[in-house]
Amino acid sequence: MTVTRCQWACATPMEQQYHDAEWGVPLHDDRKLFEFLILEGAQAGLSWSTILNKREGYRAAFDNFDATKIASYDDKKIKQLLSNPAIVRNRLKVNAAVTNARIYLEIMQQQGGFDEWIWQFVDGEPLHNHFHKAEDVPANTPQSDLMAREMKKRGFKFVGTTICYAFMQATGMVNDHTTDCFRYREIVDLKFL
């Protein structure tokens, strides 16, 4: 039996596995949400497959996305990261990860968690879109526009509306599997929220 997937997920086995197991599944774990925030920012201007290929490198280089450790990175650590071929060696993106860790920790302290704060942009519930073709899926929405504005006000970096929308898709805040994809109905039917 042939399985139909979202068009973007058919290029490599890694993308297929990521699509089948993670993409679009509602995520409420603070540390994993932070991981996606950093990875989506790192992806700016690059393909998602590039970031998927470097994901384990990021986990190792960035202390498994421990925000407390990342927030304390100094110039020596940043210099070390910029020489690490396992990640995207872009000074602005590496510095943004440190800045974003600090702001993430502020939100954690103020709100008691990042999950509730970030999910407010979809009123705490996944939005299930009904796109039939990949070209119908938008690059941003009013919700991602609002998220980007609010995150920028707090001082987050690499959080434009397109990055925010990709974050929303990855973490299941929106279900953008195309309606012919086998995962579309599975995500709609999830009951563990």
C-alpha atoms as a PDB file:
ATOM      1  CA  MET A   1       0.000   0.000   0.000  1.00  0.00           C
ATOM      2  CA  THR A   2       1.326   3.424  -0.938  1.00  0.00           C
ATOM      3  CA  VAL A   3       1.430   6.022   1.827  1.00  0.00           C
ATOM      4  CA  THR A   4       0.780   9.628   0.842  1.00  0.00           C
ATOM      5  CA  ARG A   5       2.832  12.242   2.671  1.00  0.00           C
ATOM      6  CA  CYS A   6       3.193  15.994   2.510  1.00  0.00           C
ATOM      7  CA  GLN A   7       5.201  16.784  -0.597  1.00  0.00           C
ATOM      8  CA  TRP A   8       8.149  18.329   1.313  1.00  0.00           C
ATOM      9  CA  ALA A   9       8.684  15.144   3.347  1.00  0.00           C
ATOM     10  CA  CYS A  10       9.557  12.878   0.448  1.00  0.00           C
ATOM     11  CA  ALA A  11      13.063  14.132  -0.381  1.00  0.00           C
ATOM     12  CA  THR A  12      15.127  12.203   2.190  1.00  0.00           C
ATOM     13  CA  PRO A  13      14.613   9.429   4.746  1.00  0.00           C
ATOM     14  CA  MET A  14      15.441  11.902   7.550  1.00  0.00           C
ATOM     15  CA  GLU A  15      12.748  14.336   6.425  1.00  0.00           C
ATOM     16  CA  GLN A  16      10.288  11.469   6.041  1.00  0.00           C
ATOM     17  CA  GLN A  17      10.996  10.189   9.561  1.00  0.00           C
ATOM     18  CA  TYR A  18      10.718  13.696  11.033  1.00  0.00           C
ATOM     19  CA  HIS A  19       7.440  14.272   9.182  1.00  0.00           C
ATOM     20  CA  ASP A  20       5.974  10.923  10.213  1.00  0.00           C
ATOM     21  CA  ALA A  21       6.935  11.115  13.899  1.00  0.00           C
ATOM     22  CA  GLU A  22       7.196  14.765  14.929  1.00  0.00           C
ATOM     23  CA  TRP A  23       6.043  17.478  12.555  1.00  0.00           C
ATOM     24  CA  GLY A  24       2.668  18.868  13.507  1.00  0.00           C
ATOM     25  CA  VAL A  25       2.282  16.876  16.726  1.00  0.00           C
ATOM     26  CA  PRO A  26       1.135  19.248  19.495  1.00  0.00           C
ATOM     27  CA  LEU A  27       4.141  19.816  21.729  1.00  0.00           C
ATOM     28  CA  HIS A  28       3.898  21.045  25.318  1.00  0.00           C
ATOM     29  CA  ASP A  29       7.325  20.204  26.725  1.00  0.00           C
ATOM     30  CA  ASP A  30       9.110  23.476  27.562  1.00  0.00           C
ATOM     31  CA  ARG A  31      12.607  22.221  26.741  1.00  0.00           C
ATOM     32  CA  LYS A  32      11.526  20.779  23.387  1.00  0.00           C
ATOM     33  CA  LEU A  33       9.674  23.994  22.542  1.00  0.00           C
ATOM     34  CA  PHE A  34      12.885  25.893  23.284  1.00  0.00           C
ATOM     35  CA  GLU A  35      14.820  23.484  21.068  1.00  0.00           C
ATOM     36  CA  PHE A  36      12.487  24.192  18.154  1.00  0.00           C
ATOM     37  CA  LEU A  37      12.724  27.925  18.780  1.00  0.00           C
ATOM     38  CA  ILE A  38      16.509  27.756  18.431  1.00  0.00           C
ATOM     39  CA  LEU A  39      16.435  25.371  15.454  1.00  0.00           C
ATOM     40  CA  GLU A  40      13.837  27.379  13.545  1.00  0.00           C
ATOM     41  CA  GLY A  41      15.908  30.530  14.060  1.00  0.00           C
ATOM     42  CA  ALA A  42      19.010  28.707  12.848  1.00  0.00           C
ATOM     43  CA  GLN A  43      17.114  27.621   9.745  1.00  0.00           C
ATOM     44  CA  ALA A  44      16.504  31.192   8.563  1.00  0.00           C
ATOM     45  CA  GLY A  45      17.700  31.400   4.956  1.00  0.00           C
ATOM     46  CA  LEU A  46      18.532  27.688   4.836  1.00  0.00           C
ATOM     47  CA  SER A  47      16.615  24.501   4.112  1.00  0.00           C
ATOM     48  CA  TRP A  48      15.005  22.575   6.961  1.00  0.00           C
ATOM     49  CA  SER A  49      16.897  19.482   5.798  1.00  0.00           C
ATOM     50  CA  THR A  50      20.163  21.321   6.573  1.00  0.00           C
ATOM     51  CA  ILE A  51      19.002  21.836  10.158  1.00  0.00           C
ATOM     52  CA  LEU A  52      17.695  18.275  10.493  1.00  0.00           C
ATOM     53  CA  ASN A  53      21.110  17.011   9.388  1.00  0.00           C
ATOM     54  CA  LYS A  54      22.738  19.163  12.071  1.00  0.00           C
ATOM     55  CA  ARG A  55      20.183  18.544  14.818  1.00  0.00           C
ATOM     56  CA  GLU A  56      22.313  16.120  16.809  1.00  0.00           C
ATOM     57  CA  GLY A  57      25.246  18.480  16.405  1.00  0.00           C
ATOM     58  CA  TYR A  58      23.109  21.249  17.867  1.00  0.00           C
ATOM     59  CA  ARG A  59      22.063  19.086  20.779  1.00  0.00           C
ATOM     60  CA  ALA A  60      25.689  18.305  21.597  1.00  0.00           C
ATOM     61  CA  ALA A  61      26.992  21.843  21.017  1.00  0.00           C
ATOM     62  CA  PHE A  62      24.168  23.564  22.911  1.00  0.00           C
ATOM     63  CA  ASP A  63      24.105  21.352  26.023  1.00  0.00           C
ATOM     64  CA  ASN A  64      20.979  19.494  24.891  1.00  0.00           C
ATOM     65  CA  PHE A  65      19.166  22.847  24.746  1.00  0.00           C
ATOM     66  CA  ASP A  66      19.523  23.497  28.470  1.00  0.00           C
ATOM     67  CA  ALA A  67      18.453  27.152  28.480  1.00  0.00           C
ATOM     68  CA  THR A  68      20.136  27.890  31.817  1.00  0.00           C
ATOM     69  CA  LYS A  69      23.496  26.765  30.455  1.00  0.00           C
ATOM     70  CA  ILE A  70      23.013  28.528  27.115  1.00  0.00           C
ATOM     71  CA  ALA A  71      22.040  31.795  28.844  1.00  0.00           C
ATOM     72  CA  SER A  72      25.414  31.774  30.596  1.00  0.00           C
ATOM     73  CA  TYR A  73      27.533  31.277  27.458  1.00  0.00           C
ATOM     74  CA  ASP A  74      30.408  33.731  27.350  1.00  0.00           C
ATOM     75  CA  ASP A  75      32.592  34.979  24.488  1.00  0.00           C
ATOM     76  CA  LYS A  76      34.918  31.986  24.811  1.00  0.00           C
ATOM     77  CA  LYS A  77      32.011  29.539  24.423  1.00  0.00           C
ATOM     78  CA  ILE A  78      30.557  31.513  21.517  1.00  0.00           C
ATOM     79  CA  LYS A  79      33.936  31.469  19.772  1.00  0.00           C
ATOM     80  CA  GLN A  80      34.054  27.695  20.283  1.00  0.00           C
ATOM     81  CA  LEU A  81      30.568  27.328  18.780  1.00  0.00           C
ATOM     82  CA  LEU A  82      31.533  29.417  15.768  1.00  0.00           C
ATOM     83  CA  SER A  83      34.295  26.929  14.976  1.00  0.00           C
ATOM     84  CA  ASN A  84      31.998  23.899  15.300  1.00  0.00           C
ATOM     85  CA  PRO A  85      31.097  22.436  11.865  1.00  0.00           C
ATOM     86  CA  ALA A  86      28.241  20.436  13.431  1.00  0.00           C
ATOM     87  CA  ILE A  87      26.102  23.606  13.613  1.00  0.00           C
ATOM     88  CA  VAL A  88      25.385  26.620  11.427  1.00  0.00           C
ATOM     89  CA  ARG A  89      28.359  28.858  12.165  1.00  0.00           C
ATOM     90  CA  ASN A  90      26.667  32.216  11.943  1.00  0.00           C
ATOM     91  CA  ARG A  91      27.565  34.692  14.678  1.00  0.00           C
ATOM     92  CA  LEU A  92      24.161  36.407  14.645  1.00  0.00           C
ATOM     93  CA  LYS A  93      22.348  33.081  15.005  1.00  0.00           C
ATOM     94  CA  VAL A  94      24.635  31.821  17.776  1.00  0.00           C
ATOM     95  CA  ASN A  95      24.303  35.106  19.668  1.00  0.00           C
ATOM     96  CA  ALA A  96      20.530  34.952  19.133  1.00  0.00           C
ATOM     97  CA  ALA A  97      20.426  31.515  20.788  1.00  0.00           C
ATOM     98  CA  VAL A  98      22.062  32.982  23.898  1.00  0.00           C
ATOM     99  CA  THR A  99      19.747  36.010  23.923  1.00  0.00           C
ATOM    100  CA  ASN A 100      16.700  33.831  23.333  1.00  0.00           C
ATOM    101  CA  ALA A 101      17.702  31.510  26.180  1.00  0.00           C
ATOM    102  CA  ARG A 102      17.783  34.451  28.574  1.00  0.00           C
ATOM    103  CA  ILE A 103      14.370  35.716  27.483  1.00  0.00           C
ATOM    104  CA  TYR A 104      12.943  32.191  27.536  1.00  0.00           C
ATOM    105  CA  LEU A 105      14.106  31.873  31.169  1.00  0.00           C
ATOM    106  CA  GLU A 106      12.463  35.201  32.014  1.00  0.00           C
ATOM    107  CA  ILE A 107       9.171  33.921  30.607  1.00  0.00           C
ATOM    108  CA  MET A 108       9.585  30.641  32.482  1.00  0.00           C
ATOM    109  CA  GLN A 109      10.025  32.582  35.718  1.00  0.00           C
ATOM    110  CA  GLN A 110       7.206  35.040  35.059  1.00  0.00           C
ATOM    111  CA  GLN A 111       4.675  32.592  33.631  1.00  0.00           C
ATOM    112  CA  GLY A 112       5.663  29.353  35.331  1.00  0.00           C
ATOM    113  CA  GLY A 113       6.368  27.811  31.925  1.00  0.00           C
ATOM    114  CA  PHE A 114       6.948  28.618  28.279  1.00  0.00           C
ATOM    115  CA  ASP A 115       4.258  26.243  27.018  1.00  0.00           C
ATOM    116  CA  GLU A 116       1.260  28.228  28.176  1.00  0.00           C
ATOM    117  CA  TRP A 117       2.787  31.529  27.046  1.00  0.00           C
ATOM    118  CA  ILE A 118       3.617  30.363  23.517  1.00  0.00           C
ATOM    119  CA  TRP A 119       0.341  28.464  23.013  1.00  0.00           C
ATOM    120  CA  GLN A 120      -1.671  31.611  23.802  1.00  0.00           C
ATOM    121  CA  PHE A 121      -1.215  32.632  20.174  1.00  0.00           C
ATOM    122  CA  VAL A 122      -3.610  29.846  19.137  1.00  0.00           C
ATOM    123  CA  ASP A 123      -5.783  30.096  22.263  1.00  0.00           C
ATOM    124  CA  GLY A 124      -4.234  26.914  23.653  1.00  0.00           C
ATOM    125  CA  GLU A 125      -5.641  24.665  20.931  1.00  0.00           C
ATOM    126  CA  PRO A 126      -4.116  23.450  17.646  1.00  0.00           C
ATOM    127  CA  LEU A 127      -5.509  25.040  14.517  1.00  0.00           C
ATOM    128  CA  HIS A 128      -6.359  22.390  11.930  1.00  0.00           C
ATOM    129  CA  ASN A 129      -6.039  23.801   8.459  1.00  0.00           C
ATOM    130  CA  HIS A 130      -7.491  22.104   5.387  1.00  0.00           C
ATOM    131  CA  PHE A 131      -4.944  22.655   2.649  1.00  0.00           C
ATOM    132  CA  HIS A 132      -5.177  20.301  -0.315  1.00  0.00           C
ATOM    133  CA  LYS A 133      -1.876  21.237  -1.960  1.00  0.00           C
ATOM    134  CA  ALA A 134       1.514  22.294  -0.613  1.00  0.00           C
ATOM    135  CA  GLU A 135       1.349  25.551  -2.535  1.00  0.00           C
ATOM    136  CA  ASP A 136      -1.789  26.505  -0.566  1.00  0.00           C
ATOM    137  CA  VAL A 137       0.082  26.476   2.758  1.00  0.00           C
ATOM    138  CA  PRO A 138       0.929  30.056   3.767  1.00  0.00           C
ATOM    139  CA  ALA A 139       4.326  31.297   4.919  1.00  0.00           C
ATOM    140  CA  ASN A 140       2.710  33.279   7.717  1.00  0.00           C
ATOM    141  CA  THR A 141      -0.672  34.010   9.265  1.00  0.00           C
ATOM    142  CA  PRO A 142      -2.195  36.674  11.546  1.00  0.00           C
ATOM    143  CA  GLN A 143      -1.315  34.401  14.498  1.00  0.00           C
ATOM    144  CA  SER A 144       2.344  34.155  13.477  1.00  0.00           C
ATOM    145  CA  ASP A 145       2.384  37.919  12.851  1.00  0.00           C
ATOM    146  CA  LEU A 146       1.175  38.503  16.415  1.00  0.00           C
ATOM    147  CA  MET A 147       3.606  35.951  17.856  1.00  0.00           C
ATOM    148  CA  ALA A 148       6.513  37.584  16.029  1.00  0.00           C
ATOM    149  CA  ARG A 149       5.522  41.065  17.244  1.00  0.00           C
ATOM    150  CA  GLU A 150       5.185  39.928  20.864  1.00  0.00           C
ATOM    151  CA  MET A 151       8.426  37.967  20.798  1.00  0.00           C
ATOM    152  CA  LYS A 152      10.325  40.893  19.286  1.00  0.00           C
ATOM    153  CA  LYS A 153       8.898  43.209  21.968  1.00  0.00           C
ATOM    154  CA  ARG A 154      10.419  40.905  24.579  1.00  0.00           C
ATOM    155  CA  GLY A 155      13.762  40.983  22.766  1.00  0.00           C
ATOM    156  CA  PHE A 156      13.822  37.587  21.041  1.00  0.00           C
ATOM    157  CA  LYS A 157      15.978  37.401  17.901  1.00  0.00           C
ATOM    158  CA  PHE A 158      15.360  35.511  14.634  1.00  0.00           C
ATOM    159  CA  VAL A 159      11.628  35.405  15.273  1.00  0.00           C
ATOM    160  CA  GLY A 160      10.102  36.957  12.182  1.00  0.00           C
ATOM    161  CA  THR A 161       6.607  35.924  11.191  1.00  0.00           C
ATOM    162  CA  THR A 162       7.797  33.234   8.746  1.00  0.00           C
ATOM    163  CA  ILE A 163      10.063  31.674  11.384  1.00  0.00           C
ATOM    164  CA  CYS A 164       7.241  31.847  13.913  1.00  0.00           C
ATOM    165  CA  TYR A 165       4.882  30.129  11.491  1.00  0.00           C
ATOM    166  CA  ALA A 166       7.406  27.356  10.831  1.00  0.00           C
ATOM    167  CA  PHE A 167       7.729  26.986  14.619  1.00  0.00           C
ATOM    168  CA  MET A 168       3.936  26.746  14.908  1.00  0.00           C
ATOM    169  CA  GLN A 169       3.836  24.054  12.225  1.00  0.00           C
ATOM    170  CA  ALA A 170       6.672  22.043  13.756  1.00  0.00           C
ATOM    171  CA  THR A 171       5.224  22.111  17.276  1.00  0.00           C
ATOM    172  CA  GLY A 172       1.660  21.298  16.269  1.00  0.00           C
ATOM    173  CA  MET A 173       0.192  24.683  17.074  1.00  0.00           C
ATOM    174  CA  VAL A 174      -1.121  24.407  13.527  1.00  0.00           C
ATOM    175  CA  ASN A 175      -1.780  21.243  11.565  1.00  0.00           C
ATOM    176  CA  ASP A 176      -0.546  21.989   8.064  1.00  0.00           C
ATOM    177  CA  HIS A 177      -0.328  18.436   6.809  1.00  0.00           C
ATOM    178  CA  THR A 178      -2.100  18.503   3.484  1.00  0.00           C
ATOM    179  CA  THR A 179      -5.472  16.770   3.581  1.00  0.00           C
ATOM    180  CA  ASP A 180      -4.231  13.874   1.415  1.00  0.00           C
ATOM    181  CA  CYS A 181      -1.355  13.150   3.829  1.00  0.00           C
ATOM    182  CA  PHE A 182      -1.841  10.136   6.098  1.00  0.00           C
ATOM    183  CA  ARG A 183      -0.745  12.244   9.094  1.00  0.00           C
ATOM    184  CA  TYR A 184      -3.453  14.869   8.596  1.00  0.00           C
ATOM    185  CA  ARG A 185      -6.263  12.777  10.058  1.00  0.00           C
ATOM    186  CA  GLU A 186      -3.988  11.226  12.707  1.00  0.00           C
ATOM    187  CA  ILE A 187      -3.109  14.691  14.021  1.00  0.00           C
ATOM    188  CA  VAL A 188      -6.737  15.840  13.961  1.00  0.00           C
ATOM    189  CA  ASP A 189      -7.722  12.730  15.927  1.00  0.00           C
ATOM    190  CA  LEU A 190      -5.098  13.089  18.676  1.00  0.00           C
ATOM    191  CA  LYS A 191      -6.829  13.102  22.043  1.00  0.00           C
ATOM    192  CA  PHE A 192      -3.976  13.672  24.488  1.00  0.00           C
ATOM    193  CA  LEU A 193      -4.151  17.463  24.611  1.00  0.00           C
END
